């Protein structure tokens, strides 16, 4: 492998590793309560789209909700259509 190609591969690997580490930290930062709500949202939306899209949607919706919210994501989304549309778009849900 040429030195320039090797350097490019090393940089790409470092960026990918950093992104994976960041994503892992973001997932760990999610509280047990958040995980419970996202888990219920995944169950409520099973079959609506591919699991990674549904997960991204549910996490987005959970992040838009107040920490003091007592309704489920499924209940909350019905009264917050703008947040739902934004999370649909962010998650790539079609």
N, C-alpha and C. Protein backbone atom coordinates (compact mmCIF):
# COMPACT_ATOMS: atom_id res chain seq x y z
N UNK A 1 0.86 -1.17 0.00
CA UNK A 1 0.00 0.00 0.00
C UNK A 1 0.90 1.23 0.00
N UNK A 2 0.54 2.24 -0.79
CA UNK A 2 1.32 3.46 -0.87
C UNK A 2 1.21 4.22 0.45
N UNK A 3 2.24 4.99 0.82
CA UNK A 3 2.20 5.76 2.07
C UNK A 3 1.00 6.70 2.15
N UNK A 4 0.67 7.36 1.02
CA UNK A 4 -0.47 8.29 1.04
C UNK A 4 -1.77 7.53 1.27
N UNK A 5 -1.92 6.37 0.65
CA UNK A 5 -3.12 5.55 0.83
C UNK A 5 -3.20 5.04 2.26
N UNK A 6 -2.05 4.64 2.79
CA UNK A 6 -2.00 4.16 4.17
C UNK A 6 -2.39 5.27 5.14
N UNK A 7 -1.89 6.48 4.89
CA UNK A 7 -2.21 7.62 5.75
C UNK A 7 -3.71 7.94 5.67
N UNK A 8 -4.25 7.90 4.46
CA UNK A 8 -5.69 8.15 4.28
C UNK A 8 -6.51 7.09 5.01
N UNK A 9 -6.10 5.84 4.90
CA UNK A 9 -6.81 4.77 5.59
C UNK A 9 -6.73 4.94 7.10
N UNK A 10 -5.56 5.37 7.59
CA UNK A 10 -5.40 5.57 9.03
C UNK A 10 -6.29 6.70 9.53
N UNK A 11 -6.38 7.79 8.77
CA UNK A 11 -7.24 8.91 9.15
C UNK A 11 -8.70 8.47 9.13
N UNK A 12 -9.11 7.74 8.10
CA UNK A 12 -10.50 7.26 8.02
C UNK A 12 -10.83 6.35 9.19
N UNK A 13 -9.90 5.46 9.54
CA UNK A 13 -10.12 4.57 10.67
C UNK A 13 -10.25 5.36 11.97
N UNK A 14 -9.39 6.36 12.16
CA UNK A 14 -9.45 7.17 13.38
C UNK A 14 -10.77 7.92 13.48
N UNK A 15 -11.23 8.46 12.36
CA UNK A 15 -12.52 9.17 12.37
C UNK A 15 -13.67 8.22 12.69
N UNK A 16 -13.65 7.04 12.09
CA UNK A 16 -14.70 6.05 12.34
C UNK A 16 -14.67 5.59 13.79
N UNK A 17 -13.48 5.33 14.31
CA UNK A 17 -13.36 4.90 15.70
C UNK A 17 -13.85 5.99 16.64
N UNK A 18 -13.50 7.23 16.35
CA UNK A 18 -13.95 8.34 17.19
C UNK A 18 -15.46 8.50 17.16
N UNK A 19 -16.05 8.33 15.98
CA UNK A 19 -17.51 8.44 15.86
C UNK A 19 -18.18 7.32 16.64
N UNK A 20 -17.66 6.12 16.53
CA UNK A 20 -18.23 4.98 17.26
C UNK A 20 -18.12 5.20 18.76
N UNK A 21 -16.99 5.70 19.21
CA UNK A 21 -16.80 5.97 20.64
C UNK A 21 -17.77 7.03 21.11
N UNK A 22 -17.92 8.11 20.31
CA UNK A 22 -18.86 9.16 20.66
C UNK A 22 -20.28 8.63 20.76
N UNK A 23 -20.68 7.82 19.78
CA UNK A 23 -22.04 7.27 19.78
C UNK A 23 -22.25 6.36 20.98
N UNK A 24 -21.24 5.62 21.37
CA UNK A 24 -21.34 4.76 22.54
C UNK A 24 -21.52 5.57 23.81
N UNK A 25 -20.78 6.68 23.90
CA UNK A 25 -20.92 7.56 25.07
C UNK A 25 -22.29 8.19 25.11
N UNK A 26 -22.80 8.59 23.96
CA UNK A 26 -24.14 9.19 23.91
C UNK A 26 -25.18 8.19 24.38
N UNK A 27 -25.03 6.95 23.98
CA UNK A 27 -25.99 5.92 24.41
C UNK A 27 -25.88 5.68 25.90
N UNK A 28 -24.65 5.70 26.43
CA UNK A 28 -24.47 5.47 27.86
C UNK A 28 -25.01 6.63 28.68
N UNK A 29 -25.04 7.85 28.08
CA UNK A 29 -25.53 9.01 28.81
C UNK A 29 -27.04 8.95 29.00
N UNK A 30 -27.70 8.11 28.26
CA UNK A 30 -29.14 7.97 28.38
C UNK A 30 -29.46 7.33 29.72
N UNK A 31 -30.37 7.94 30.46
CA UNK A 31 -30.73 7.42 31.78
C UNK A 31 -31.58 6.16 31.65
N UNK A 32 -31.71 5.46 32.76
CA UNK A 32 -32.55 4.26 32.78
C UNK A 32 -34.00 4.63 32.46
N UNK A 33 -34.43 5.79 32.91
CA UNK A 33 -35.80 6.24 32.62
C UNK A 33 -35.97 6.50 31.12
N UNK A 34 -34.96 7.16 30.52
CA UNK A 34 -35.02 7.39 29.08
C UNK A 34 -35.06 6.07 28.32
N UNK A 35 -34.23 5.13 28.73
CA UNK A 35 -34.19 3.82 28.08
C UNK A 35 -35.54 3.13 28.16
N UNK A 36 -36.22 3.28 29.28
CA UNK A 36 -37.55 2.67 29.45
C UNK A 36 -38.54 3.27 28.46
N UNK A 37 -38.54 4.61 28.34
CA UNK A 37 -39.46 5.28 27.43
C UNK A 37 -39.15 4.95 25.98
N UNK A 38 -37.86 4.94 25.63
CA UNK A 38 -37.47 4.61 24.26
C UNK A 38 -37.84 3.16 23.95
N UNK A 39 -37.62 2.27 24.90
CA UNK A 39 -37.97 0.87 24.72
C UNK A 39 -39.46 0.69 24.45
N UNK A 40 -40.29 1.41 25.19
CA UNK A 40 -41.74 1.32 24.98
C UNK A 40 -42.11 1.89 23.62
N UNK A 41 -41.44 2.97 23.22
CA UNK A 41 -41.69 3.56 21.90
C UNK A 41 -41.33 2.57 20.80
N UNK A 42 -40.23 1.84 20.97
CA UNK A 42 -39.83 0.83 19.99
C UNK A 42 -40.91 -0.25 19.86
N UNK A 43 -41.46 -0.67 20.99
CA UNK A 43 -42.53 -1.67 20.97
C UNK A 43 -43.77 -1.10 20.28
N UNK A 44 -44.13 0.14 20.63
CA UNK A 44 -45.32 0.77 20.06
C UNK A 44 -45.22 0.96 18.54
N UNK A 45 -43.99 1.13 18.04
CA UNK A 45 -43.80 1.42 16.62
C UNK A 45 -43.19 0.26 15.85
N UNK A 46 -43.14 -0.92 16.44
CA UNK A 46 -42.57 -2.09 15.77
C UNK A 46 -43.30 -2.36 14.47
N UNK A 47 -42.53 -2.61 13.42
CA UNK A 47 -43.12 -2.91 12.13
C UNK A 47 -43.42 -1.68 11.28
N UNK A 48 -43.29 -0.51 11.87
CA UNK A 48 -43.57 0.72 11.11
C UNK A 48 -42.46 1.10 10.16
N UNK A 49 -41.24 0.72 10.51
CA UNK A 49 -40.05 1.00 9.70
C UNK A 49 -38.95 0.08 10.22
N UNK A 50 -37.78 0.15 9.60
CA UNK A 50 -36.65 -0.65 10.07
C UNK A 50 -36.26 -0.22 11.48
N UNK A 51 -35.79 -1.15 12.28
CA UNK A 51 -35.49 -0.89 13.70
C UNK A 51 -34.55 0.30 13.92
N UNK A 52 -33.48 0.47 13.15
CA UNK A 52 -32.61 1.63 13.39
C UNK A 52 -33.32 2.97 13.17
N UNK A 53 -34.24 3.00 12.22
CA UNK A 53 -35.00 4.23 11.97
C UNK A 53 -35.96 4.49 13.11
N UNK A 54 -36.64 3.47 13.57
CA UNK A 54 -37.58 3.62 14.69
C UNK A 54 -36.82 4.04 15.93
N UNK A 55 -35.66 3.44 16.18
CA UNK A 55 -34.85 3.80 17.36
C UNK A 55 -34.43 5.27 17.29
N UNK A 56 -33.96 5.72 16.13
CA UNK A 56 -33.55 7.11 15.99
C UNK A 56 -34.73 8.05 16.21
N UNK A 57 -35.89 7.66 15.69
CA UNK A 57 -37.11 8.45 15.90
C UNK A 57 -37.46 8.53 17.38
N UNK A 58 -37.45 7.39 18.05
CA UNK A 58 -37.83 7.35 19.46
C UNK A 58 -36.87 8.15 20.33
N UNK A 59 -35.58 8.05 20.06
CA UNK A 59 -34.59 8.82 20.83
C UNK A 59 -34.79 10.30 20.59
N UNK A 60 -35.04 10.68 19.34
CA UNK A 60 -35.31 12.08 19.01
C UNK A 60 -36.53 12.60 19.78
N UNK A 61 -37.60 11.85 19.74
CA UNK A 61 -38.82 12.26 20.45
C UNK A 61 -38.57 12.36 21.95
N UNK A 62 -37.87 11.38 22.49
CA UNK A 62 -37.56 11.40 23.92
C UNK A 62 -36.75 12.64 24.29
N UNK A 63 -35.81 13.00 23.43
CA UNK A 63 -34.97 14.18 23.70
C UNK A 63 -35.76 15.47 23.62
N UNK A 64 -36.84 15.51 22.87
CA UNK A 64 -37.66 16.71 22.75
C UNK A 64 -38.61 16.87 23.94
N UNK A 65 -38.84 15.79 24.65
CA UNK A 65 -39.77 15.82 25.78
C UNK A 65 -39.11 16.37 27.04
N UNK A 66 -39.89 16.99 27.87
CA UNK A 66 -39.41 17.48 29.17
C UNK A 66 -39.07 16.29 30.07
N UNK A 67 -38.11 16.46 30.94
CA UNK A 67 -37.77 15.41 31.90
C UNK A 67 -38.91 15.17 32.89
N UNK A 68 -39.82 16.11 32.98
CA UNK A 68 -40.95 15.98 33.91
C UNK A 68 -42.20 15.39 33.25
N UNK A 69 -42.09 15.05 31.97
CA UNK A 69 -43.24 14.51 31.24
C UNK A 69 -43.61 13.13 31.79
N UNK A 70 -44.91 12.91 31.96
CA UNK A 70 -45.37 11.62 32.49
C UNK A 70 -46.02 10.75 31.42
N UNK A 71 -46.35 11.35 30.26
CA UNK A 71 -46.95 10.57 29.19
C UNK A 71 -45.88 9.79 28.44
N UNK A 72 -46.28 8.71 27.82
CA UNK A 72 -45.35 7.95 26.97
C UNK A 72 -45.05 8.76 25.72
N UNK A 73 -44.01 8.37 25.02
CA UNK A 73 -43.69 9.04 23.76
C UNK A 73 -44.85 8.93 22.80
N UNK A 74 -45.48 7.78 22.73
CA UNK A 74 -46.62 7.56 21.83
C UNK A 74 -47.77 8.50 22.17
N UNK A 75 -48.02 8.70 23.46
CA UNK A 75 -49.09 9.62 23.86
C UNK A 75 -48.69 11.07 23.58
N UNK A 76 -47.44 11.42 23.88
CA UNK A 76 -46.96 12.79 23.74
C UNK A 76 -46.92 13.23 22.29
N UNK A 77 -46.54 12.32 21.39
CA UNK A 77 -46.39 12.69 19.99
C UNK A 77 -47.72 13.12 19.37
N UNK A 78 -48.82 12.61 19.88
CA UNK A 78 -50.14 12.95 19.34
C UNK A 78 -50.49 14.41 19.55
N UNK A 79 -50.00 15.00 20.63
CA UNK A 79 -50.28 16.41 20.91
C UNK A 79 -49.12 17.32 20.52
N UNK A 80 -48.11 16.77 19.86
CA UNK A 80 -46.94 17.56 19.44
C UNK A 80 -46.55 17.21 18.00
N UNK A 81 -47.42 17.57 17.04
CA UNK A 81 -47.16 17.18 15.65
C UNK A 81 -45.89 17.79 15.06
N UNK A 82 -45.50 18.98 15.51
CA UNK A 82 -44.28 19.58 14.97
C UNK A 82 -43.05 18.78 15.38
N UNK A 83 -43.02 18.33 16.63
CA UNK A 83 -41.90 17.51 17.10
C UNK A 83 -41.89 16.18 16.36
N UNK A 84 -43.07 15.62 16.16
CA UNK A 84 -43.17 14.35 15.44
C UNK A 84 -42.63 14.49 14.02
N UNK A 85 -43.01 15.56 13.33
CA UNK A 85 -42.55 15.79 11.96
C UNK A 85 -41.03 15.98 11.93
N UNK A 86 -40.50 16.71 12.89
CA UNK A 86 -39.06 16.94 12.93
C UNK A 86 -38.30 15.64 13.16
N UNK A 87 -38.81 14.79 14.05
CA UNK A 87 -38.15 13.52 14.33
C UNK A 87 -38.33 12.53 13.18
N UNK A 88 -39.48 12.57 12.52
CA UNK A 88 -39.67 11.75 11.30
C UNK A 88 -38.58 12.08 10.29
N UNK A 89 -38.36 13.36 10.08
CA UNK A 89 -37.38 13.83 9.11
C UNK A 89 -35.96 13.43 9.55
N UNK A 90 -35.64 13.68 10.83
CA UNK A 90 -34.30 13.36 11.34
C UNK A 90 -33.99 11.86 11.24
N UNK A 91 -34.99 11.05 11.51
CA UNK A 91 -34.79 9.60 11.50
C UNK A 91 -34.83 9.01 10.08
N UNK A 92 -35.36 9.78 9.13
CA UNK A 92 -35.48 9.25 7.77
C UNK A 92 -36.71 8.38 7.59
N UNK A 93 -37.69 8.57 8.46
CA UNK A 93 -38.92 7.77 8.39
C UNK A 93 -39.76 8.29 7.23
N UNK A 94 -40.18 7.40 6.37
CA UNK A 94 -40.99 7.80 5.20
C UNK A 94 -42.31 7.09 5.22
